[in-house]
Protein backbone atom coordinates (compact mmCIF):
# COMPACT_ATOMS: atom_id res chain seq x y z
CA UNK A 1 1.43 -14.86 13.18
CA UNK A 2 0.05 -18.38 13.26
CA UNK A 3 -1.03 -20.32 10.17
CA UNK A 4 -4.74 -19.98 10.98
CA UNK A 5 -4.48 -16.18 11.15
CA UNK A 6 -2.69 -16.22 7.80
CA UNK A 7 -5.77 -17.84 6.25
CA UNK A 8 -8.16 -15.16 7.54
CA UNK A 9 -8.78 -12.06 5.41
CA UNK A 10 -10.43 -8.95 6.91
CA UNK A 11 -12.10 -6.56 4.48
CA UNK A 12 -14.63 -3.76 4.34
CA UNK A 13 -17.13 -3.38 1.53
CA UNK A 14 -19.93 -1.16 0.28
CA UNK A 15 -23.27 -2.40 -1.03
CA UNK A 16 -24.34 0.34 -3.42
CA UNK A 17 -28.03 -0.29 -4.00
CA UNK A 18 -30.46 1.18 -6.53
CA UNK A 19 -33.62 -0.06 -8.25
CA UNK A 20 -33.42 -3.60 -6.81
CA UNK A 21 -29.80 -3.97 -7.98
CA UNK A 22 -26.45 -3.90 -6.17
CA UNK A 23 -23.21 -2.69 -7.69
CA UNK A 24 -20.75 -5.54 -8.16
CA UNK A 25 -17.20 -5.57 -9.49
CA UNK A 26 -14.91 -8.18 -10.99
CA UNK A 27 -11.22 -7.76 -10.31
CA UNK A 28 -8.69 -8.34 -13.08
CA UNK A 29 -7.76 -12.01 -13.42
CA UNK A 30 -10.81 -13.27 -11.52
CA UNK A 31 -14.19 -14.70 -12.53
CA UNK A 32 -16.44 -13.84 -9.58
CA UNK A 33 -18.31 -10.59 -9.01
CA UNK A 34 -18.23 -9.08 -5.52
CA UNK A 35 -18.99 -5.88 -3.68
CA UNK A 36 -16.73 -2.87 -3.97
CA UNK A 37 -14.21 -3.06 -1.14
CA UNK A 38 -10.92 -4.39 0.09
CA UNK A 39 -8.47 -4.84 2.92
CA UNK A 40 -8.05 -2.28 5.67
CA UNK A 41 -4.85 -0.27 5.87
CA UNK A 42 -3.06 -0.07 9.25
CA UNK A 43 -5.05 2.10 11.67
CA UNK A 44 -7.97 2.48 9.26
CA UNK A 45 -11.56 1.88 10.40
CA UNK A 46 -13.81 -0.44 8.41
CA UNK A 47 -15.94 2.52 7.30
CA UNK A 48 -12.93 4.56 6.18
CA UNK A 49 -11.58 1.56 4.27
CA UNK A 50 -14.93 0.95 2.56
CA UNK A 51 -15.23 4.59 1.50
CA UNK A 52 -11.60 4.69 0.30
CA UNK A 53 -12.00 1.48 -1.71
CA UNK A 54 -15.20 2.84 -3.29
CA UNK A 55 -13.30 5.94 -4.41
CA UNK A 56 -10.31 3.92 -5.68
CA UNK A 57 -12.20 1.09 -7.41
CA UNK A 58 -15.19 2.85 -9.00
CA UNK A 59 -14.44 6.57 -8.64
CA UNK A 60 -17.35 7.39 -6.32
CA UNK A 61 -16.98 9.74 -3.35
CA UNK A 62 -19.49 8.52 -0.79
CA UNK A 63 -19.94 10.83 2.18
CA UNK A 64 -21.55 8.34 4.55
CA UNK A 65 -22.82 4.80 4.74
CA UNK A 66 -24.96 2.70 7.07
CA UNK A 67 -23.66 -0.51 8.61
CA UNK A 68 -25.42 -3.48 6.98
CA UNK A 69 -23.60 -6.13 8.99
CA UNK A 70 -20.52 -8.25 9.53
CA UNK A 71 -20.27 -11.53 7.66
CA UNK A 72 -18.03 -14.60 7.61
CA UNK A 73 -17.62 -16.84 4.57
CA UNK A 74 -15.11 -18.56 2.37
CA UNK A 75 -13.02 -16.19 0.24
CA UNK A 76 -13.89 -16.04 -3.46
CA UNK A 77 -10.40 -15.70 -4.92
CA UNK A 78 -8.13 -17.17 -2.23
CA UNK A 79 -8.82 -20.92 -1.88
CA UNK A 80 -8.63 -22.18 1.70
CA UNK A 81 -9.04 -18.70 3.17
CA UNK A 82 -11.90 -17.32 5.24
CA UNK A 83 -13.25 -13.81 4.83
CA UNK A 84 -14.52 -11.46 7.54
CA UNK A 85 -16.31 -8.60 5.84
CA UNK A 86 -17.86 -5.48 7.37
CA UNK A 87 -20.44 -4.31 4.84
CA UNK A 88 -21.97 -0.85 4.59
CA UNK A 89 -25.14 0.09 2.74
CA UNK A 90 -25.40 3.11 0.43
CA UNK A 91 -28.27 4.02 -1.87
CA UNK A 92 -26.82 5.76 -4.89
CA UNK A 93 -27.70 6.69 -8.44
CA UNK A 94 -24.12 7.65 -9.25
CA UNK A 95 -22.37 6.22 -12.30
CA UNK A 96 -19.40 4.05 -11.26
CA UNK A 97 -16.36 3.67 -13.47
CA UNK A 98 -13.97 0.70 -13.22
CA UNK A 99 -10.48 1.76 -12.12
CA UNK A 100 -7.50 0.40 -10.17
CA UNK A 101 -7.64 -3.42 -10.26
CA UNK A 102 -11.29 -3.54 -11.40
CA UNK A 103 -11.88 -5.15 -14.79
CA UNK A 104 -15.67 -4.81 -14.91
CA UNK A 105 -18.55 -3.18 -13.02
CA UNK A 106 -22.11 -4.45 -13.16
CA UNK A 107 -25.43 -3.64 -11.51
CA UNK A 108 -26.49 -7.12 -10.37
CA UNK A 109 -30.17 -7.84 -9.66
CA UNK A 110 -30.99 -8.70 -6.05
CA UNK A 111 -33.11 -11.61 -7.27
CA UNK A 112 -32.57 -13.99 -10.21
CA UNK A 113 -28.91 -12.95 -10.41
CA UNK A 114 -26.19 -14.65 -12.48
CA UNK A 115 -24.34 -17.54 -10.82
CA UNK A 116 -20.93 -15.82 -10.91
CA UNK A 117 -21.11 -14.07 -7.52
CA UNK A 118 -18.63 -14.36 -4.66
CA UNK A 119 -19.88 -16.63 -1.83
CA UNK A 120 -20.01 -13.75 0.69
CA UNK A 121 -22.28 -11.72 -1.57
CA UNK A 122 -24.52 -14.54 -2.73
CA UNK A 123 -25.05 -16.39 0.55
CA UNK A 124 -24.82 -13.64 3.16
CA UNK A 125 -25.13 -10.08 1.90
CA UNK A 126 -27.86 -10.40 -0.76
CA UNK A 127 -30.32 -12.14 1.61
CA UNK A 128 -29.84 -9.34 4.17
CA UNK A 129 -30.33 -6.63 1.53
CA UNK A 130 -33.49 -8.34 0.23
CA UNK A 131 -34.87 -8.69 3.79
CA UNK A 132 -34.03 -5.05 4.61
CA UNK A 133 -35.80 -3.80 1.48
CA UNK A 134 -38.82 -6.03 2.18
CA UNK A 135 -39.13 -4.59 5.70
CA UNK A 136 -38.81 -1.02 4.45
């Protein structure tokens, strides 16, 4: 594997949305909040990875999700790395519980949010969610 490929992280994530808020998580030892999600396991589809990570990180069994989009940005917790994220949309009123490597869960407002969000979420995903809700 070449050095450039080593600096590229591929993940899948779920944007759980309710009442103009999106569920965000902060992993242990980090400062930035991000969507629920993580790296794909060998042979796993992006959707399967997103649903598995949702179950592992916040204890929610999501039956299905809609593709929101694919996004490229800088990684929040790995300096010098890029992030390719496939994000799925789920509307849910379930109560998430932090587990696995998650230190904190928070329903983050889609507008006027705190300034502690991961770049992918703040600059790419939130604008798409806001636009999707405005069109709906």
